[in-house]
PDB file of N, CA and C in Angstrom:
ATOM      1  N   MET A   1     107.607 126.203 110.526  1.00  0.00           N
ATOM      2  CA  MET A   1     106.840 125.835 109.343  1.00  0.00           C
ATOM      3  C   MET A   1     105.769 124.836 109.762  1.00  0.00           C
ATOM      4  N   LYS A   2     104.574 125.046 109.318  1.00  0.00           N
ATOM      5  CA  LYS A   2     103.489 124.133 109.663  1.00  0.00           C
ATOM      6  C   LYS A   2     103.697 122.789 108.986  1.00  0.00           C
ATOM      7  N   ILE A   3     103.235 121.740 109.634  1.00  0.00           N
ATOM      8  CA  ILE A   3     103.438 120.379 109.125  1.00  0.00           C
ATOM      9  C   ILE A   3     102.762 120.171 107.772  1.00  0.00           C
ATOM     10  N   LYS A   4     101.548 120.728 107.580  1.00  0.00           N
ATOM     11  CA  LYS A   4     100.862 120.560 106.292  1.00  0.00           C
ATOM     12  C   LYS A   4     101.625 121.258 105.172  1.00  0.00           C
ATOM     13  N   THR A   5     102.202 122.402 105.467  1.00  0.00           N
ATOM     14  CA  THR A   5     103.002 123.107 104.472  1.00  0.00           C
ATOM     15  C   THR A   5     104.231 122.290 104.116  1.00  0.00           C
ATOM     16  N   LEU A   6     104.854 121.717 105.122  1.00  0.00           N
ATOM     17  CA  LEU A   6     106.024 120.882 104.892  1.00  0.00           C
ATOM     18  C   LEU A   6     105.660 119.656 104.051  1.00  0.00           C
ATOM     19  N   ILE A   7     104.548 119.023 104.376  1.00  0.00           N
ATOM     20  CA  ILE A   7     104.100 117.855 103.608  1.00  0.00           C
ATOM     21  C   ILE A   7     103.799 118.259 102.169  1.00  0.00           C
ATOM     22  N   ALA A   8     103.095 119.370 101.990  1.00  0.00           N
ATOM     23  CA  ALA A   8     102.760 119.834 100.640  1.00  0.00           C
ATOM     24  C   ALA A   8     104.023 120.124  99.831  1.00  0.00           C
ATOM     25  N   CYS A   9     105.003 120.750 100.454  1.00  0.00           N
ATOM     26  CA  CYS A   9     106.259 121.052  99.759  1.00  0.00           C
ATOM     27  C   CYS A   9     106.993 119.770  99.386  1.00  0.00           C
ATOM     28  N   THR A  10     107.015 118.812 100.300  1.00  0.00           N
ATOM     29  CA  THR A  10     107.675 117.541 100.034  1.00  0.00           C
ATOM     30  C   THR A  10     106.998 116.804  98.892  1.00  0.00           C
ATOM     31  N   ILE A  11     105.669 116.757  98.929  1.00  0.00           N
ATOM     32  CA  ILE A  11     104.916 116.111  97.852  1.00  0.00           C
ATOM     33  C   ILE A  11     105.187 116.813  96.528  1.00  0.00           C
ATOM     34  N   GLY A  12     105.147 118.131  96.549  1.00  0.00           N
ATOM     35  CA  GLY A  12     105.414 118.895  95.335  1.00  0.00           C
ATOM     36  C   GLY A  12     106.788 118.612  94.760  1.00  0.00           C
ATOM     37  N   PHE A  13     107.783 118.551  95.625  1.00  0.00           N
ATOM     38  CA  PHE A  13     109.138 118.257  95.175  1.00  0.00           C
ATOM     39  C   PHE A  13     109.232 116.860  94.572  1.00  0.00           C
ATOM     40  N   LEU A  14     108.678 115.870  95.260  1.00  0.00           N
ATOM     41  CA  LEU A  14     108.745 114.496  94.765  1.00  0.00           C
ATOM     42  C   LEU A  14     108.013 114.331  93.445  1.00  0.00           C
ATOM     43  N   ILE A  15     106.850 114.964  93.339  1.00  0.00           N
ATOM     44  CA  ILE A  15     106.064 114.863  92.110  1.00  0.00           C
ATOM     45  C   ILE A  15     106.782 115.563  90.963  1.00  0.00           C
ATOM     46  N   SER A  16     107.388 116.714  91.230  1.00  0.00           N
ATOM     47  CA  SER A  16     108.033 117.457  90.150  1.00  0.00           C
ATOM     48  C   SER A  16     109.298 116.765  89.659  1.00  0.00           C
ATOM     49  N   SER A  17     109.895 115.928  90.506  1.00  0.00           N
ATOM     50  CA  SER A  17     111.139 115.292  90.109  1.00  0.00           C
ATOM     51  C   SER A  17     110.939 113.955  89.407  1.00  0.00           C
ATOM     52  N   CYS A  18     109.713 113.453  89.366  1.00  0.00           N
ATOM     53  CA  CYS A  18     109.472 112.194  88.691  1.00  0.00           C
ATOM     54  C   CYS A  18     108.013 112.110  88.263  1.00  0.00           C
ATOM     55  N   ALA A  19     107.747 111.216  87.338  1.00  0.00           N
ATOM     56  CA  ALA A  19     106.365 110.947  86.946  1.00  0.00           C
ATOM     57  C   ALA A  19     105.935 109.717  87.727  1.00  0.00           C
ATOM     58  N   CYS A  20     105.449 109.930  88.945  1.00  0.00           N
ATOM     59  CA  CYS A  20     105.125 108.809  89.808  1.00  0.00           C
ATOM     60  C   CYS A  20     103.893 109.106  90.650  1.00  0.00           C
ATOM     61  N   GLU A  21     103.462 108.076  91.356  1.00  0.00           N
ATOM     62  CA  GLU A  21     102.330 108.201  92.265  1.00  0.00           C
ATOM     63  C   GLU A  21     102.855 108.070  93.686  1.00  0.00           C
ATOM     64  N   ILE A  22     102.304 108.864  94.587  1.00  0.00           N
ATOM     65  CA  ILE A  22     102.694 108.807  95.977  1.00  0.00           C
ATOM     66  C   ILE A  22     101.437 108.631  96.820  1.00  0.00           C
ATOM     67  N   GLU A  23     101.416 107.582  97.630  1.00  0.00           N
ATOM     68  CA  GLU A  23     100.276 107.345  98.513  1.00  0.00           C
ATOM     69  C   GLU A  23     100.301 108.375  99.637  1.00  0.00           C
ATOM     70  N   ILE A  24      99.132 108.952  99.930  1.00  0.00           N
ATOM     71  CA  ILE A  24      99.030 109.958 100.979  1.00  0.00           C
ATOM     72  C   ILE A  24      97.824 109.664 101.867  1.00  0.00           C
ATOM     73  N   ALA A  25      97.825 110.237 103.049  1.00  0.00           N
ATOM     74  CA  ALA A  25      96.704 110.109 103.974  1.00  0.00           C
ATOM     75  C   ALA A  25      95.592 111.075 103.555  1.00  0.00           C
ATOM     76  N   SER A  26      94.370 110.729 103.893  1.00  0.00           N
ATOM     77  CA  SER A  26      93.248 111.609 103.539  1.00  0.00           C
ATOM     78  C   SER A  26      93.396 112.979 104.196  1.00  0.00           C
ATOM     79  N   SER A  27      94.089 113.052 105.319  1.00  0.00           N
ATOM     80  CA  SER A  27      94.310 114.342 105.980  1.00  0.00           C
ATOM     81  C   SER A  27      95.232 115.256 105.172  1.00  0.00           C
ATOM     82  N   ASP A  28      95.942 114.699 104.183  1.00  0.00           N
ATOM     83  CA  ASP A  28      96.829 115.493 103.333  1.00  0.00           C
ATOM     84  C   ASP A  28      96.185 115.888 102.003  1.00  0.00           C
ATOM     85  N   VAL A  29      94.938 115.485 101.803  1.00  0.00           N
ATOM     86  CA  VAL A  29      94.196 115.824 100.581  1.00  0.00           C
ATOM     87  C   VAL A  29      93.515 117.173 100.796  1.00  0.00           C
ATOM     88  N   PRO A  30      93.604 118.092  99.835  1.00  0.00           N
ATOM     89  CA  PRO A  30      92.948 119.397  99.996  1.00  0.00           C
ATOM     90  C   PRO A  30      91.445 119.247 100.247  1.00  0.00           C
ATOM     91  N   GLN A  31      90.916 120.136 101.091  1.00  0.00           N
ATOM     92  CA  GLN A  31      89.491 120.092 101.419  1.00  0.00           C
ATOM     93  C   GLN A  31      88.622 120.187 100.172  1.00  0.00           C
ATOM     94  N   SER A  32      89.037 120.963  99.183  1.00  0.00           N
ATOM     95  CA  SER A  32      88.264 121.101  97.947  1.00  0.00           C
ATOM     96  C   SER A  32      88.118 119.759  97.234  1.00  0.00           C
ATOM     97  N   VAL A  33      89.156 118.940  97.277  1.00  0.00           N
ATOM     98  CA  VAL A  33      89.122 117.618  96.655  1.00  0.00           C
ATOM     99  C   VAL A  33      88.233 116.674  97.460  1.00  0.00           C
ATOM    100  N   LEU A  34      88.381 116.695  98.776  1.00  0.00           N
ATOM    101  CA  LEU A  34      87.552 115.845  99.637  1.00  0.00           C
ATOM    102  C   LEU A  34      86.069 116.172  99.487  1.00  0.00           C
ATOM    103  N   THR A  35      85.745 117.451  99.402  1.00  0.00           N
ATOM    104  CA  THR A  35      84.354 117.876  99.246  1.00  0.00           C
ATOM    105  C   THR A  35      83.794 117.416  97.905  1.00  0.00           C
ATOM    106  N   ALA A  36      84.573 117.591  96.843  1.00  0.00           N
ATOM    107  CA  ALA A  36      84.124 117.163  95.510  1.00  0.00           C
ATOM    108  C   ALA A  36      83.952 115.654  95.465  1.00  0.00           C
ATOM    109  N   PHE A  37      84.878 114.922  96.072  1.00  0.00           N
ATOM    110  CA  PHE A  37      84.805 113.464  96.081  1.00  0.00           C
ATOM    111  C   PHE A  37      83.567 112.978  96.835  1.00  0.00           C
ATOM    112  N   SER A  38      83.345 113.502  98.026  1.00  0.00           N
ATOM    113  CA  SER A  38      82.203 113.035  98.824  1.00  0.00           C
ATOM    114  C   SER A  38      80.879 113.419  98.186  1.00  0.00           C
ATOM    115  N   GLY A  39      80.843 114.515  97.444  1.00  0.00           N
ATOM    116  CA  GLY A  39      79.626 114.895  96.734  1.00  0.00           C
ATOM    117  C   GLY A  39      79.327 113.980  95.560  1.00  0.00           C
ATOM    118  N   LYS A  40      80.356 113.524  94.893  1.00  0.00           N
ATOM    119  CA  LYS A  40      80.182 112.682  93.711  1.00  0.00           C
ATOM    120  C   LYS A  40      80.033 111.208  94.071  1.00  0.00           C
ATOM    121  N   TYR A  41      80.695 110.768  95.140  1.00  0.00           N
ATOM    122  CA  TYR A  41      80.703 109.355  95.526  1.00  0.00           C
ATOM    123  C   TYR A  41      80.282 109.204  96.991  1.00  0.00           C
ATOM    124  N   ALA A  42      79.062 109.570  97.291  1.00  0.00           N
ATOM    125  CA  ALA A  42      78.573 109.586  98.673  1.00  0.00           C
ATOM    126  C   ALA A  42      78.651 108.218  99.349  1.00  0.00           C
ATOM    127  N   GLY A  43      78.481 107.132  98.614  1.00  0.00           N
ATOM    128  CA  GLY A  43      78.486 105.798  99.204  1.00  0.00           C
ATOM    129  C   GLY A  43      79.822 105.096  99.153  1.00  0.00           C
ATOM    130  N   ALA A  44      80.894 105.816  98.892  1.00  0.00           N
ATOM    131  CA  ALA A  44      82.216 105.203  98.745  1.00  0.00           C
ATOM    132  C   ALA A  44      82.744 104.670 100.075  1.00  0.00           C
ATOM    133  N   SER A  45      83.480 103.548  99.986  1.00  0.00           N
ATOM    134  CA  SER A  45      84.134 102.987 101.171  1.00  0.00           C
ATOM    135  C   SER A  45      85.547 102.552 100.785  1.00  0.00           C
ATOM    136  N   ASP A  46      86.337 102.224 101.790  1.00  0.00           N
ATOM    137  CA  ASP A  46      87.721 101.775 101.582  1.00  0.00           C
ATOM    138  C   ASP A  46      88.499 102.732 100.677  1.00  0.00           C
ATOM    139  N   VAL A  47      88.412 104.023 100.969  1.00  0.00           N
ATOM    140  CA  VAL A  47      89.043 105.051 100.131  1.00  0.00           C
ATOM    141  C   VAL A  47      90.537 105.158 100.459  1.00  0.00           C
ATOM    142  N   GLU A  48      91.348 105.109  99.411  1.00  0.00           N
ATOM    143  CA  GLU A  48      92.795 105.317  99.523  1.00  0.00           C
ATOM    144  C   GLU A  48      93.169 106.436  98.563  1.00  0.00           C
ATOM    145  N   TRP A  49      94.093 107.283  98.975  1.00  0.00           N
ATOM    146  CA  TRP A  49      94.481 108.449  98.173  1.00  0.00           C
ATOM    147  C   TRP A  49      95.921 108.361  97.696  1.00  0.00           C
ATOM    148  N   GLU A  50      96.128 108.881  96.486  1.00  0.00           N
ATOM    149  CA  GLU A  50      97.466 109.061  95.926  1.00  0.00           C
ATOM    150  C   GLU A  50      97.504 110.433  95.269  1.00  0.00           C
ATOM    151  N   VAL A  51      98.686 110.986  95.186  1.00  0.00           N
ATOM    152  CA  VAL A  51      98.894 112.215  94.430  1.00  0.00           C
ATOM    153  C   VAL A  51      99.851 111.855  93.304  1.00  0.00           C
ATOM    154  N   GLU A  52      99.580 112.367  92.115  1.00  0.00           N
ATOM    155  CA  GLU A  52     100.437 112.043  90.977  1.00  0.00           C
ATOM    156  C   GLU A  52     100.485 113.208  89.996  1.00  0.00           C
ATOM    157  N   LYS A  53     101.505 113.160  89.183  1.00  0.00           N
ATOM    158  CA  LYS A  53     101.674 114.160  88.135  1.00  0.00           C
ATOM    159  C   LYS A  53     101.591 113.450  86.792  1.00  0.00           C
ATOM    160  N   GLU A  54     100.715 113.954  85.942  1.00  0.00           N
ATOM    161  CA  GLU A  54     100.520 113.364  84.619  1.00  0.00           C
ATOM    162  C   GLU A  54     100.420 114.495  83.602  1.00  0.00           C
ATOM    163  N   ASP A  55     101.207 114.409  82.564  1.00  0.00           N
ATOM    164  CA  ASP A  55     101.240 115.453  81.533  1.00  0.00           C
ATOM    165  C   ASP A  55     101.472 116.835  82.134  1.00  0.00           C
ATOM    166  N   GLY A  56     102.325 116.895  83.159  1.00  0.00           N
ATOM    167  CA  GLY A  56     102.667 118.161  83.785  1.00  0.00           C
ATOM    168  C   GLY A  56     101.608 118.712  84.720  1.00  0.00           C
ATOM    169  N   LYS A  57     100.543 117.958  84.983  1.00  0.00           N
ATOM    170  CA  LYS A  57      99.463 118.419  85.859  1.00  0.00           C
ATOM    171  C   LYS A  57      99.378 117.541  87.099  1.00  0.00           C
ATOM    172  N   LEU A  58      99.055 118.175  88.221  1.00  0.00           N
ATOM    173  CA  LEU A  58      98.924 117.484  89.488  1.00  0.00           C
ATOM    174  C   LEU A  58      97.492 116.969  89.659  1.00  0.00           C
ATOM    175  N   TYR A  59      97.364 115.713  90.093  1.00  0.00           N
ATOM    176  CA  TYR A  59      96.055 115.088  90.322  1.00  0.00           C
ATOM    177  C   TYR A  59      96.054 114.387  91.664  1.00  0.00           C
ATOM    178  N   TYR A  60      94.877 114.370  92.286  1.00  0.00           N
ATOM    179  CA  TYR A  60      94.642 113.542  93.460  1.00  0.00           C
ATOM    180  C   TYR A  60      93.766 112.391  93.003  1.00  0.00           C
ATOM    181  N   GLU A  61      94.252 111.173  93.239  1.00  0.00           N
ATOM    182  CA  GLU A  61      93.551 109.973  92.795  1.00  0.00           C
ATOM    183  C   GLU A  61      92.963 109.257  94.003  1.00  0.00           C
ATOM    184  N   ALA A  62      91.676 108.994  93.939  1.00  0.00           N
ATOM    185  CA  ALA A  62      91.004 108.215  94.976  1.00  0.00           C
ATOM    186  C   ALA A  62      90.745 106.820  94.434  1.00  0.00           C
ATOM    187  N   GLU A  63      91.161 105.811  95.159  1.00  0.00           N
ATOM    188  CA  GLU A  63      90.831 104.420  94.840  1.00  0.00           C
ATOM    189  C   GLU A  63      89.841 103.997  95.913  1.00  0.00           C
ATOM    190  N   PHE A  64      88.685 103.448  95.499  1.00  0.00           N
ATOM    191  CA  PHE A  64      87.613 103.197  96.451  1.00  0.00           C
ATOM    192  C   PHE A  64      86.647 102.142  95.941  1.00  0.00           C
ATOM    193  N   LYS A  65      85.731 101.737  96.820  1.00  0.00           N
ATOM    194  CA  LYS A  65      84.666 100.820  96.441  1.00  0.00           C
ATOM    195  C   LYS A  65      83.344 101.577  96.514  1.00  0.00           C
ATOM    196  N   VAL A  66      82.514 101.360  95.487  1.00  0.00           N
ATOM    197  CA  VAL A  66      81.161 101.915  95.484  1.00  0.00           C
ATOM    198  C   VAL A  66      80.274 100.903  94.761  1.00  0.00           C
ATOM    199  N   ASP A  67      79.138 100.604  95.339  1.00  0.00           N
ATOM    200  CA  ASP A  67      78.221  99.601  94.791  1.00  0.00           C
ATOM    201  C   ASP A  67      78.927  98.269  94.525  1.00  0.00           C
ATOM    202  N   GLY A  68      79.853  97.902  95.397  1.00  0.00           N
ATOM    203  CA  GLY A  68      80.560  96.632  95.277  1.00  0.00           C
ATOM    204  C   GLY A  68      81.639  96.583  94.216  1.00  0.00           C
ATOM    205  N   LYS A  69      81.899  97.690  93.547  1.00  0.00           N
ATOM    206  CA  LYS A  69      82.924  97.727  92.492  1.00  0.00           C
ATOM    207  C   LYS A  69      84.077  98.628  92.909  1.00  0.00           C
ATOM    208  N   ARG A  70      85.278  98.242  92.523  1.00  0.00           N
ATOM    209  CA  ARG A  70      86.472  99.043  92.785  1.00  0.00           C
ATOM    210  C   ARG A  70      86.623 100.066  91.668  1.00  0.00           C
ATOM    211  N   LYS A  71      86.834 101.325  92.035  1.00  0.00           N
ATOM    212  CA  LYS A  71      86.969 102.405  91.052  1.00  0.00           C
ATOM    213  C   LYS A  71      88.126 103.320  91.425  1.00  0.00           C
ATOM    214  N   GLU A  72      88.491 104.157  90.451  1.00  0.00           N
ATOM    215  CA  GLU A  72      89.478 105.208  90.658  1.00  0.00           C
ATOM    216  C   GLU A  72      88.889 106.496  90.095  1.00  0.00           C
ATOM    217  N   ALA A  73      89.074 107.583  90.821  1.00  0.00           N
ATOM    218  CA  ALA A  73      88.612 108.885  90.351  1.00  0.00           C
ATOM    219  C   ALA A  73      89.750 109.885  90.529  1.00  0.00           C
ATOM    220  N   TYR A  74      89.868 110.772  89.563  1.00  0.00           N
ATOM    221  CA  TYR A  74      90.951 111.758  89.555  1.00  0.00           C
ATOM    222  C   TYR A  74      90.374 113.160  89.694  1.00  0.00           C
ATOM    223  N   PHE A  75      91.007 113.946  90.568  1.00  0.00           N
ATOM    224  CA  PHE A  75      90.577 115.322  90.818  1.00  0.00           C
ATOM    225  C   PHE A  75      91.784 116.246  90.757  1.00  0.00           C
ATOM    226  N   ARG A  76      91.569 117.454  90.257  1.00  0.00           N
ATOM    227  CA  ARG A  76      92.602 118.493  90.276  1.00  0.00           C
ATOM    228  C   ARG A  76      92.634 119.098  91.683  1.00  0.00           C
ATOM    229  N   PRO A  77      93.693 119.776  92.070  1.00  0.00           N
ATOM    230  CA  PRO A  77      93.799 120.326  93.423  1.00  0.00           C
ATOM    231  C   PRO A  77      92.671 121.285  93.816  1.00  0.00           C
ATOM    232  N   ASP A  78      92.025 121.916  92.841  1.00  0.00           N
ATOM    233  CA  ASP A  78      90.918 122.819  93.166  1.00  0.00           C
ATOM    234  C   ASP A  78      89.587 122.085  93.331  1.00  0.00           C
ATOM    235  N   GLY A  79      89.601 120.743  93.198  1.00  0.00           N
ATOM    236  CA  GLY A  79      88.399 119.944  93.364  1.00  0.00           C
ATOM    237  C   GLY A  79      87.690 119.601  92.066  1.00  0.00           C
ATOM    238  N   THR A  80      88.204 120.046  90.945  1.00  0.00           N
ATOM    239  CA  THR A  80      87.599 119.753  89.645  1.00  0.00           C
ATOM    240  C   THR A  80      87.763 118.273  89.325  1.00  0.00           C
ATOM    241  N   PHE A  81      86.648 117.611  89.028  1.00  0.00           N
ATOM    242  CA  PHE A  81      86.676 116.203  88.642  1.00  0.00           C
ATOM    243  C   PHE A  81      87.322 116.077  87.263  1.00  0.00           C
ATOM    244  N   SER A  82      88.210 115.098  87.107  1.00  0.00           N
ATOM    245  CA  SER A  82      88.904 114.913  85.846  1.00  0.00           C
ATOM    246  C   SER A  82      88.433 113.665  85.085  1.00  0.00           C
ATOM    247  N   LYS A  83      88.511 112.503  85.761  1.00  0.00           N
ATOM    248  CA  LYS A  83      88.084 111.266  85.090  1.00  0.00           C
ATOM    249  C   LYS A  83      87.866 110.163  86.106  1.00  0.00           C
ATOM    250  N   GLU A  84      87.230 109.095  85.618  1.00  0.00           N
ATOM    251  CA  GLU A  84      86.975 107.911  86.430  1.00  0.00           C
ATOM    252  C   GLU A  84      87.415 106.688  85.663  1.00  0.00           C
ATOM    253  N   GLU A  85      87.984 105.750  86.370  1.00  0.00           N
ATOM    254  CA  GLU A  85      88.389 104.481  85.749  1.00  0.00           C
ATOM    255  C   GLU A  85      87.817 103.337  86.537  1.00  0.00           C
TER     256      GLU A  85
END
């Protein structure tokens, strides 16, 4: 079994069993999400990723700095932007 598949399965299991956030490495974020994030926040720095389940839906959350402000952005696994805080 490939390591990324194993990681994805583990994340899926943990997320499905609780309503929680799990910190993940950027290498574990789907390429579609990374592409959407870099297109929307080209000047972002200090990016940290989490995966979470909210209202039965899976989201990838980026916490980052842009223009000197700390922000959070949420993306669906297909790269669709959801919201910013």
